[in-house]
Amino acid sequence: MATGQHTNAPQSEFHGRTGAIVRRLQELHPKLIDLSLDRLEILLARLGHPERALPPTIHVAGTNGKGSTCANLRAIGEAAGLRVHVMTSPHLLDVTERFRLAGQLVSEDQLVATLEEIERVNDGAPITVFEVLTAAGFLLFSRVPADLLILEVGLGGRFDATNVIPTARACIITSISLDHQGFLGDDLAGIAREKAGIIKQNVPVFVAPQPDNVMAAITEIANTHAAPLQRLGHEFTITPQGNGLLYQDDAGRLTLPAPSLHGPHQAQNSALAVAALRHAGLGLPDSAFAGIAKTHWPARLQTLHGLLTQNIPANWELLLDGGHNPGAGTVLADVLKTWQDQPLHLIVGLKDSKDVQGFLRPLIPYATTIQAVAEEGQHLAMPVQTILEAAKTAGGTAQPGPDIRTAINRLRDEAGANPKPARVLICGSLYLAGCALALDGAAPH
């Protein structure tokens, strides 16, 4: 993975006692990402095949919306009284966020002990960090009783470490767009085939609306595996109704509350979660699906209320979003269209490998100002100058922040003594979002 030159030296995304173990494990493989299942399958065999002792599992792949869909799945499951395991990535503040055991975040002590056990059993064999973390999740999930496991793909699908599971109750494929082109290529149909690699024999797959060539690729793989294909907008639907949503599939209608996660795209992510759980054979009551009104997922158009807001006028709103690719930029722009009642100030920072022009282009028409930032400690931060040049090429104008606090203070000072209402949106990277949450005084969720 190319890192380029950074305004701030790139920091590890792992800290504390777990970080020390991870840094040792990083020495075992020359690449941060190396998509393959062979190494993990060998390790899991040495660990007694914990991937074969998991609760009923819903496997989630896609480019955008995976995390929100997983959060909706968890909210519905817990509203039904289920004990729910969850594995997601990346984390924002602490690696423990990646693992939720029967409703509770794994403790640092539990995770450290599990990683040390894996390190001993692996005995120096080549392995990537994500493969080790996946093995840790499977060990933890196999040892703590639960009724449901929600498993998010890390990257791709076919060769993603999570795809060692033998089967699932349901698979979900969220919206697919360009991202991680260095590993998945720049052909959407080819990316779709990689994502659809999680489809299991005879296991239903629930798919978000896609371009025709993407849906054709997914359909072909589903047919090959005799996997019932359930497409949002065809076999199941979601439509606005009053202050909520009307969901319908072959089992009938559900009247649902509005999702707690903001943005019109969240109706789609809610529908995928509802459909998968409705067909997973877990016997959930209809009332449980109202859980989408209580979903919590940080850095998805999240309103901040902590330390950072002390530096903005009282009538301003400070928001945070971790979307980071062209597809996310397009979805975010759909939200910004509804915000034209107030000035909008963007504070933008990206991971160095991302398509910054593709992300910024749909946002520029709605931005009153744009400031480019790269936080100290932001993992693989894109240089501020690169963002400035990309904004100009994309048809906009940006100025250097060059960090979140300085950017916010500048906006406050320029607003004067009697500021009109405005919005400030920090966006462009989940790693930047983690930095913003830390600055705001947040704790791991």
Protein backbone atom coordinates (compact mmCIF):
# COMPACT_ATOMS: atom_id res chain seq x y z
CA MET A 1 0.00 0.00 0.00
CA ALA A 2 1.50 3.33 -1.04
CA THR A 3 1.62 5.84 1.77
CA GLY A 4 3.27 8.80 0.05
CA GLN A 5 4.60 11.78 2.00
CA HIS A 6 2.53 12.98 4.92
CA THR A 7 2.18 16.32 6.62
CA ASN A 8 2.27 14.37 9.87
CA ALA A 9 4.17 11.15 10.34
CA PRO A 10 1.72 8.26 9.96
CA GLN A 11 0.78 6.64 13.22
CA SER A 12 -0.33 3.11 13.96
CA GLU A 13 -4.07 2.63 14.32
CA PHE A 14 -3.40 0.33 17.30
CA HIS A 15 -2.46 1.56 20.75
CA GLY A 16 -1.86 0.37 24.29
CA ARG A 17 -1.18 -3.24 25.20
CA THR A 18 -2.99 -4.52 22.10
CA GLY A 19 -0.85 -2.19 19.99
CA ALA A 20 2.34 -3.76 21.34
CA ILE A 21 1.15 -7.23 20.31
CA VAL A 22 -0.03 -6.01 16.92
CA ARG A 23 3.33 -4.37 16.22
CA ARG A 24 5.06 -7.70 16.86
CA LEU A 25 2.62 -9.49 14.59
CA GLN A 26 3.11 -6.92 11.82
CA GLU A 27 6.68 -8.16 11.50
CA LEU A 28 5.42 -11.60 10.41
CA HIS A 29 4.19 -10.52 6.99
CA PRO A 30 5.69 -7.96 4.60
CA LYS A 31 2.28 -6.61 3.51
CA LEU A 32 -0.39 -4.89 5.57
CA ILE A 33 -3.04 -6.37 3.26
CA ASP A 34 -2.63 -9.64 1.36
CA LEU A 35 -6.00 -11.08 0.37
CA SER A 36 -5.92 -14.84 0.91
CA LEU A 37 -7.59 -17.46 3.08
CA ASP A 38 -4.80 -20.03 3.28
CA ARG A 39 -2.81 -18.58 6.19
CA LEU A 40 -5.89 -18.02 8.34
CA GLU A 41 -7.28 -21.49 7.63
CA ILE A 42 -4.03 -23.03 8.88
CA LEU A 43 -4.10 -20.89 12.04
CA LEU A 44 -7.77 -21.67 12.73
CA ALA A 45 -7.06 -25.39 12.41
CA ARG A 46 -4.35 -25.03 15.05
CA LEU A 47 -6.85 -23.18 17.25
CA GLY A 48 -9.42 -25.98 16.98
CA HIS A 49 -11.60 -24.43 14.25
CA PRO A 50 -13.50 -21.79 16.23
CA GLU A 51 -15.09 -20.61 12.95
CA ARG A 52 -17.14 -23.83 13.03
CA ALA A 53 -18.59 -23.07 16.47
CA LEU A 54 -20.20 -19.68 15.84
CA PRO A 55 -23.80 -18.61 16.52
CA PRO A 56 -26.16 -18.05 13.56
CA THR A 57 -24.32 -15.53 11.39
CA ILE A 58 -25.24 -12.70 9.03
CA HIS A 59 -22.32 -11.82 6.75
CA VAL A 60 -22.19 -8.26 5.35
CA ALA A 61 -20.13 -7.06 2.38
CA GLY A 62 -20.26 -3.98 0.14
CA THR A 63 -18.52 -0.63 -0.35
CA ASN A 64 -20.73 1.88 1.46
CA GLY A 65 -23.26 1.24 4.20
CA LYS A 66 -21.76 -1.92 5.72
CA GLY A 67 -21.23 -0.40 9.14
CA SER A 68 -24.65 1.24 9.28
CA THR A 69 -26.33 -1.99 8.15
CA CYS A 70 -24.47 -3.95 10.84
CA ALA A 71 -25.52 -1.37 13.43
CA ASN A 72 -29.15 -1.77 12.36
CA LEU A 73 -28.86 -5.55 12.55
CA ARG A 74 -27.55 -5.28 16.08
CA ALA A 75 -30.24 -2.79 17.15
CA ILE A 76 -33.02 -5.06 15.84
CA GLY A 77 -31.52 -8.18 17.36
CA GLU A 78 -31.12 -6.57 20.76
CA ALA A 79 -34.65 -5.14 20.58
CA ALA A 80 -35.80 -8.76 20.21
CA GLY A 81 -33.86 -9.70 23.34
CA LEU A 82 -31.12 -11.59 21.50
CA ARG A 83 -27.54 -11.80 22.70
CA VAL A 84 -25.64 -10.35 19.75
CA HIS A 85 -21.97 -10.69 18.80
CA VAL A 86 -20.58 -8.12 16.33
CA MET A 87 -17.29 -7.81 14.44
CA THR A 88 -16.71 -4.63 12.42
CA SER A 89 -13.73 -2.66 11.13
CA PRO A 90 -11.95 -0.34 11.30
CA HIS A 91 -12.19 1.05 14.80
CA LEU A 92 -12.37 4.79 15.54
CA LEU A 93 -10.82 5.17 18.99
CA ASP A 94 -9.75 1.75 20.25
CA VAL A 95 -9.41 -1.72 18.72
CA THR A 96 -11.86 -3.11 21.30
CA GLU A 97 -14.64 -1.42 19.28
CA ARG A 98 -14.24 -4.13 16.65
CA PHE A 99 -15.59 -6.88 18.92
CA ARG A 100 -18.90 -6.86 20.77
CA LEU A 101 -19.58 -9.97 22.85
CA ALA A 102 -23.25 -10.65 23.62
CA GLY A 103 -23.91 -6.92 23.62
CA GLN A 104 -20.76 -5.68 25.40
CA LEU A 105 -17.47 -4.43 23.99
CA VAL A 106 -14.64 -6.88 24.58
CA SER A 107 -12.43 -5.79 27.46
CA GLU A 108 -8.80 -4.96 26.81
CA ASP A 109 -7.79 -7.82 29.14
CA GLN A 110 -9.90 -10.33 27.17
CA LEU A 111 -8.54 -9.15 23.85
CA VAL A 112 -4.92 -9.07 24.99
CA ALA A 113 -5.20 -12.61 26.38
CA THR A 114 -6.77 -13.84 23.14
CA LEU A 115 -4.14 -12.19 20.95
CA GLU A 116 -1.34 -13.60 23.11
CA GLU A 117 -2.88 -17.07 22.77
CA ILE A 118 -3.03 -16.70 18.99
CA GLU A 119 0.53 -15.41 18.90
CA ARG A 120 1.73 -18.53 20.74
CA VAL A 121 -0.24 -20.92 18.56
CA ASN A 122 0.79 -19.16 15.35
CA ASP A 123 4.43 -19.57 16.41
CA GLY A 124 5.91 -17.02 14.04
CA ALA A 125 4.16 -18.17 10.85
CA PRO A 126 3.44 -15.49 8.22
CA ILE A 127 0.08 -13.85 8.96
CA THR A 128 -1.47 -10.41 8.47
CA VAL A 129 -2.83 -8.32 11.32
CA PHE A 130 -6.41 -8.44 10.00
CA GLU A 131 -6.19 -12.24 9.83
CA VAL A 132 -5.04 -12.33 13.45
CA LEU A 133 -7.86 -10.01 14.51
CA THR A 134 -10.37 -12.16 12.62
CA ALA A 135 -9.07 -15.26 14.38
CA ALA A 136 -9.34 -13.42 17.70
CA GLY A 137 -12.96 -12.56 16.94
CA PHE A 138 -13.82 -16.15 16.08
CA LEU A 139 -12.16 -17.45 19.27
CA LEU A 140 -14.03 -14.94 21.41
CA PHE A 141 -17.35 -15.56 19.66
CA SER A 142 -17.00 -19.34 19.96
CA ARG A 143 -16.42 -19.11 23.72
CA VAL A 144 -19.16 -16.65 24.72
CA PRO A 145 -22.75 -17.84 24.19
CA ALA A 146 -24.89 -15.71 21.87
CA ASP A 147 -27.92 -15.97 19.60
CA LEU A 148 -26.59 -14.02 16.60
CA LEU A 149 -23.26 -12.98 15.06
CA ILE A 150 -23.05 -9.96 12.77
CA LEU A 151 -19.89 -10.24 10.71
CA GLU A 152 -18.65 -7.35 8.56
CA VAL A 153 -16.23 -7.99 5.70
CA GLY A 154 -12.97 -6.07 5.96
CA LEU A 155 -12.07 -5.65 2.29
CA GLY A 156 -13.58 -7.27 -0.79
CA GLY A 157 -15.29 -10.52 0.08
CA ARG A 158 -14.09 -13.59 -1.79
CA PHE A 159 -10.63 -13.59 -0.20
CA ASP A 160 -11.45 -11.51 2.87
CA ALA A 161 -10.43 -13.22 6.10
CA THR A 162 -14.01 -13.31 7.36
CA ASN A 163 -14.97 -15.54 4.42
CA VAL A 164 -13.52 -18.63 6.06
CA ILE A 165 -16.87 -19.21 7.77
CA PRO A 166 -18.50 -22.34 6.32
CA THR A 167 -22.04 -20.95 6.08
CA ALA A 168 -24.40 -18.21 7.26
CA ARG A 169 -28.09 -17.60 7.85
CA ALA A 170 -28.04 -14.67 5.42
CA CYS A 171 -25.62 -12.60 3.38
CA ILE A 172 -25.99 -8.89 2.66
CA ILE A 173 -24.34 -6.87 -0.11
CA THR A 174 -24.68 -3.13 0.38
CA SER A 175 -24.09 -0.41 -2.21
CA ILE A 176 -21.02 -1.06 -4.38
CA SER A 177 -18.79 1.69 -5.75
CA LEU A 178 -15.10 2.32 -6.38
CA ASP A 179 -12.80 1.96 -3.37
CA HIS A 180 -9.58 0.09 -2.62
CA GLN A 181 -8.83 0.01 -6.36
CA GLY A 182 -5.26 -1.09 -5.62
CA PHE A 183 -6.65 -4.40 -4.35
CA LEU A 184 -10.02 -4.76 -6.10
CA GLY A 185 -9.42 -3.00 -9.44
CA ASP A 186 -11.43 -0.20 -11.04
CA ASP A 187 -14.08 -2.27 -12.84
CA LEU A 188 -17.38 -2.17 -10.93
CA ALA A 189 -18.55 -5.54 -12.22
CA GLY A 190 -15.24 -7.08 -11.18
CA ILE A 191 -15.51 -5.47 -7.75
CA ALA A 192 -19.05 -6.84 -7.49
CA ARG A 193 -17.79 -10.36 -8.18
CA GLU A 194 -15.25 -9.97 -5.37
CA LYS A 195 -17.90 -8.70 -2.95
CA ALA A 196 -20.31 -11.44 -4.01
CA GLY A 197 -17.68 -13.98 -3.06
CA ILE A 198 -19.32 -14.14 0.39
CA ILE A 199 -22.45 -15.76 -1.12
CA LYS A 200 -22.89 -19.26 0.32
CA GLN A 201 -24.61 -22.33 -1.09
CA ASN A 202 -28.40 -22.11 -0.59
CA VAL A 203 -28.04 -19.06 1.72
CA PRO A 204 -30.30 -16.10 0.86
CA VAL A 205 -28.50 -12.91 -0.19
CA PHE A 206 -30.02 -9.45 0.26
CA VAL A 207 -28.75 -6.82 -2.15
CA ALA A 208 -28.98 -3.03 -2.27
CA PRO A 209 -29.88 -1.32 -5.56
CA GLN A 210 -26.91 -1.50 -7.94
CA PRO A 211 -26.00 -0.48 -11.50
CA ASP A 212 -27.19 -3.08 -14.02
CA ASN A 213 -23.75 -4.57 -14.67
CA VAL A 214 -23.09 -4.87 -10.94
CA MET A 215 -26.42 -6.59 -10.29
CA ALA A 216 -25.80 -8.94 -13.22
CA ALA A 217 -22.48 -10.03 -11.71
CA ILE A 218 -24.06 -10.61 -8.29
CA THR A 219 -26.99 -12.48 -9.85
CA GLU A 220 -24.66 -14.81 -11.74
CA ILE A 221 -22.81 -15.79 -8.57
CA ALA A 222 -26.03 -16.17 -6.58
CA ASN A 223 -27.41 -18.50 -9.26
CA THR A 224 -24.20 -20.53 -9.25
CA HIS A 225 -24.64 -21.14 -5.51
CA ALA A 226 -28.43 -21.65 -5.67
CA ALA A 227 -28.64 -18.71 -3.26
CA PRO A 228 -32.09 -17.07 -3.23
CA LEU A 229 -31.57 -13.51 -4.47
CA GLN A 230 -33.53 -10.81 -2.65
CA ARG A 231 -33.15 -7.37 -4.25
CA LEU A 232 -34.21 -4.14 -2.57
CA GLY A 233 -36.76 -2.56 -4.86
CA HIS A 234 -37.92 -5.93 -6.23
CA GLU A 235 -38.38 -8.82 -3.79
CA PHE A 236 -38.55 -6.37 -0.88
CA THR A 237 -39.23 -2.64 -0.77
CA ILE A 238 -38.97 0.34 1.55
CA THR A 239 -40.89 3.59 1.06
CA PRO A 240 -41.43 6.74 3.15
CA GLN A 241 -44.74 6.81 4.97
CA GLY A 242 -45.63 9.75 7.20
CA ASN A 243 -42.86 10.13 9.74
CA GLY A 244 -41.59 6.60 9.17
CA LEU A 245 -41.17 3.84 6.60
CA LEU A 246 -43.30 1.15 5.01
CA TYR A 247 -41.43 -2.12 4.46
CA GLN A 248 -42.86 -4.97 2.40
CA ASP A 249 -41.69 -8.43 1.35
CA ASP A 250 -43.23 -11.83 0.68
CA ALA A 251 -44.04 -12.19 4.41
CA GLY A 252 -46.14 -9.02 4.45
CA ARG A 253 -45.89 -5.39 5.49
CA LEU A 254 -44.19 -3.69 8.41
CA THR A 255 -44.79 -0.10 9.49
CA LEU A 256 -41.45 1.14 10.82
CA PRO A 257 -40.28 4.29 12.60
CA ALA A 258 -37.77 6.59 10.95
CA PRO A 259 -34.17 5.33 11.27
CA SER A 260 -32.14 7.04 13.96
CA LEU A 261 -29.18 7.31 11.57
CA HIS A 262 -29.46 10.44 9.43
CA GLY A 263 -29.69 10.71 5.66
CA PRO A 264 -32.06 9.31 3.03
CA HIS A 265 -29.63 6.44 2.32
CA GLN A 266 -30.27 5.05 5.81
CA ALA A 267 -33.71 3.81 4.77
CA GLN A 268 -31.88 1.47 2.38
CA ASN A 269 -29.47 0.25 5.08
CA SER A 270 -32.40 -0.30 7.43
CA ALA A 271 -34.32 -2.29 4.81
CA LEU A 272 -31.36 -4.62 4.21
CA ALA A 273 -31.13 -5.34 7.94
CA VAL A 274 -34.87 -5.90 8.30
CA ALA A 275 -35.02 -8.22 5.29
CA ALA A 276 -32.06 -10.35 6.36
CA LEU A 277 -33.29 -10.79 9.92
CA ARG A 278 -36.85 -11.44 8.78
CA HIS A 279 -35.62 -14.38 6.68
CA ALA A 280 -32.87 -15.69 8.97
CA GLY A 281 -35.10 -18.12 10.84
CA LEU A 282 -34.58 -16.53 14.24
CA GLY A 283 -38.27 -16.00 15.01
CA LEU A 284 -38.09 -12.28 15.70
CA PRO A 285 -41.38 -10.55 16.57
CA ASP A 286 -42.50 -7.74 14.28
CA SER A 287 -42.07 -5.25 17.14
CA ALA A 288 -38.30 -5.86 17.17
CA PHE A 289 -37.81 -4.19 13.78
CA ALA A 290 -38.66 -0.84 15.35
CA GLY A 291 -35.12 -1.16 16.75
CA ILE A 292 -33.89 0.86 13.76
CA ALA A 293 -35.09 3.94 15.66
CA LYS A 294 -32.47 3.24 18.34
CA THR A 295 -29.49 2.38 16.14
CA HIS A 296 -26.26 4.07 17.14
CA TRP A 297 -23.22 4.17 14.87
CA PRO A 298 -20.53 6.83 15.38
CA ALA A 299 -19.25 9.06 12.54
CA ARG A 300 -22.29 8.62 10.31
CA LEU A 301 -23.64 12.18 10.14
CA GLN A 302 -23.14 12.23 13.90
CA THR A 303 -23.84 15.46 15.76
CA LEU A 304 -21.03 16.26 18.18
CA HIS A 305 -21.75 17.76 21.59
CA GLY A 306 -18.39 17.60 23.34
CA LEU A 307 -15.20 19.61 23.68
CA LEU A 308 -14.99 20.73 20.05
CA THR A 309 -18.35 22.48 20.26
CA GLN A 310 -16.97 24.81 22.93
CA ASN A 311 -15.15 26.64 20.12
CA ILE A 312 -18.11 27.29 17.83
CA PRO A 313 -21.04 29.71 18.21
CA ALA A 314 -23.93 28.36 20.26
CA ASN A 315 -26.29 28.46 17.25
CA TRP A 316 -23.97 26.38 15.04
CA GLU A 317 -24.13 22.62 14.54
CA LEU A 318 -20.99 20.45 14.39
CA LEU A 319 -21.29 17.13 12.55
CA LEU A 320 -19.00 14.23 11.72
CA ASP A 321 -19.08 11.72 8.86
CA GLY A 322 -16.56 9.02 7.97
CA GLY A 323 -17.54 8.48 4.31
CA HIS A 324 -14.37 8.47 2.22
CA ASN A 325 -14.90 7.44 -1.42
CA PRO A 326 -16.76 8.81 -4.47
CA GLY A 327 -19.88 6.79 -3.70
CA ALA A 328 -19.95 8.16 -0.17
CA GLY A 329 -19.45 11.66 -1.54
CA THR A 330 -22.48 11.27 -3.78
CA VAL A 331 -24.63 9.97 -0.91
CA LEU A 332 -23.42 12.77 1.35
CA ALA A 333 -24.26 15.33 -1.34
CA ASP A 334 -27.85 14.11 -1.32
CA VAL A 335 -27.98 15.09 2.34
CA LEU A 336 -26.30 18.45 1.76
CA LYS A 337 -29.00 19.34 -0.77
CA THR A 338 -31.41 19.51 2.16
CA TRP A 339 -29.10 21.78 4.19
CA GLN A 340 -29.15 24.85 1.97
CA ASP A 341 -31.00 26.89 4.60
CA GLN A 342 -27.68 27.63 6.34
CA PRO A 343 -24.03 28.13 5.36
CA LEU A 344 -22.06 24.88 5.33
CA HIS A 345 -18.37 24.75 6.22
CA LEU A 346 -16.49 21.56 5.33
CA ILE A 347 -13.39 20.40 7.20
CA VAL A 348 -11.94 17.64 5.02
CA GLY A 349 -9.18 15.08 5.55
CA LEU A 350 -8.64 11.77 3.79
CA LYS A 351 -6.55 8.65 3.90
CA ASP A 352 -3.62 9.02 1.53
CA SER A 353 -4.72 6.34 -0.95
CA LYS A 354 -8.25 7.68 -1.53
CA ASP A 355 -9.79 9.38 -4.59
CA VAL A 356 -10.03 12.87 -3.13
CA GLN A 357 -11.33 14.48 -6.32
CA GLY A 358 -14.07 11.88 -6.64
CA PHE A 359 -15.09 12.42 -3.02
CA LEU A 360 -15.04 16.23 -3.14
CA ARG A 361 -16.61 16.87 -6.56
CA PRO A 362 -20.26 16.22 -5.53
CA LEU A 363 -19.81 18.17 -2.27
CA ILE A 364 -18.27 21.37 -3.64
CA PRO A 365 -21.53 22.94 -4.93
CA TYR A 366 -23.00 22.92 -1.41
CA ALA A 367 -19.97 24.14 0.56
CA THR A 368 -19.63 27.74 1.68
CA THR A 369 -16.00 27.10 2.68
CA ILE A 370 -13.65 24.10 2.57
CA GLN A 371 -10.63 23.61 4.81
CA ALA A 372 -8.15 20.76 4.31
CA VAL A 373 -6.74 19.08 7.40
CA ALA A 374 -4.35 16.32 8.46
CA GLU A 375 -4.35 15.61 12.19
CA GLU A 376 -1.30 14.67 14.17
CA GLY A 377 -1.65 10.94 14.77
CA GLN A 378 -4.11 10.46 11.87
CA HIS A 379 -3.25 7.08 10.34
CA LEU A 380 -1.92 7.43 6.75
CA ALA A 381 -3.18 11.00 6.46
CA MET A 382 -3.30 12.59 3.01
CA PRO A 383 -1.11 15.73 2.88
CA VAL A 384 -3.06 18.98 3.13
CA GLN A 385 -1.48 20.24 -0.09
CA THR A 386 -2.79 17.22 -1.99
CA ILE A 387 -6.33 17.97 -0.84
CA LEU A 388 -5.97 21.64 -1.78
CA GLU A 389 -4.82 20.76 -5.30
CA ALA A 390 -7.58 18.17 -5.72
CA ALA A 391 -10.27 20.64 -4.63
CA LYS A 392 -9.04 23.12 -7.25
CA THR A 393 -9.03 20.44 -9.96
CA ALA A 394 -12.55 19.40 -8.94
CA GLY A 395 -13.81 22.96 -9.39
CA GLY A 396 -13.65 24.30 -5.85
CA THR A 397 -11.49 26.37 -3.55
CA ALA A 398 -10.03 25.18 -0.27
CA GLN A 399 -7.61 26.57 2.28
CA PRO A 400 -5.33 24.75 4.71
CA GLY A 401 -6.84 24.07 8.13
CA PRO A 402 -4.34 22.62 8.73
CA ASP A 403 -5.91 20.74 11.66
CA ILE A 404 -9.43 20.46 13.10
CA ARG A 405 -9.03 22.79 16.07
CA THR A 406 -7.38 25.53 14.01
CA ALA A 407 -10.03 25.20 11.29
CA ILE A 408 -12.87 25.48 13.81
CA ASN A 409 -11.28 28.45 15.55
CA ARG A 410 -10.86 30.24 12.20
CA LEU A 411 -14.55 29.76 11.41
CA ARG A 412 -15.50 31.09 14.85
CA ASP A 413 -13.29 34.16 14.48
CA GLU A 414 -14.55 34.92 10.97
CA ALA A 415 -18.18 34.61 12.12
CA GLY A 416 -17.87 37.68 14.34
CA ALA A 417 -19.83 38.72 17.39
CA ASN A 418 -23.35 37.98 16.10
CA PRO A 419 -23.09 34.89 13.89
CA LYS A 420 -25.99 33.53 11.90
CA PRO A 421 -26.80 29.79 12.25
CA ALA A 422 -24.44 27.52 10.29
CA ARG A 423 -23.26 23.94 10.02
CA VAL A 424 -19.73 22.59 10.19
CA LEU A 425 -19.11 19.09 8.80
CA ILE A 426 -15.88 17.20 9.46
CA CYS A 427 -15.62 14.49 6.81
CA GLY A 428 -13.51 12.37 4.46
CA SER A 429 -12.01 9.57 6.55
CA LEU A 430 -12.83 7.17 9.35
CA TYR A 431 -9.31 7.74 10.66
CA LEU A 432 -9.95 11.50 10.73
CA ALA A 433 -13.28 10.75 12.43
CA GLY A 434 -11.43 8.86 15.15
CA CYS A 435 -9.18 11.86 15.71
CA ALA A 436 -12.22 14.17 15.83
CA LEU A 437 -13.98 11.97 18.38
CA ALA A 438 -10.86 11.91 20.54
CA LEU A 439 -10.62 15.72 20.37
CA ASP A 440 -14.30 15.91 21.28
CA GLY A 441 -13.72 13.78 24.38
CA ALA A 442 -15.63 10.69 23.21
CA ALA A 443 -15.16 7.21 24.68
CA PRO A 444 -15.17 3.96 22.63
CA HIS A 445 -18.72 2.83 21.71
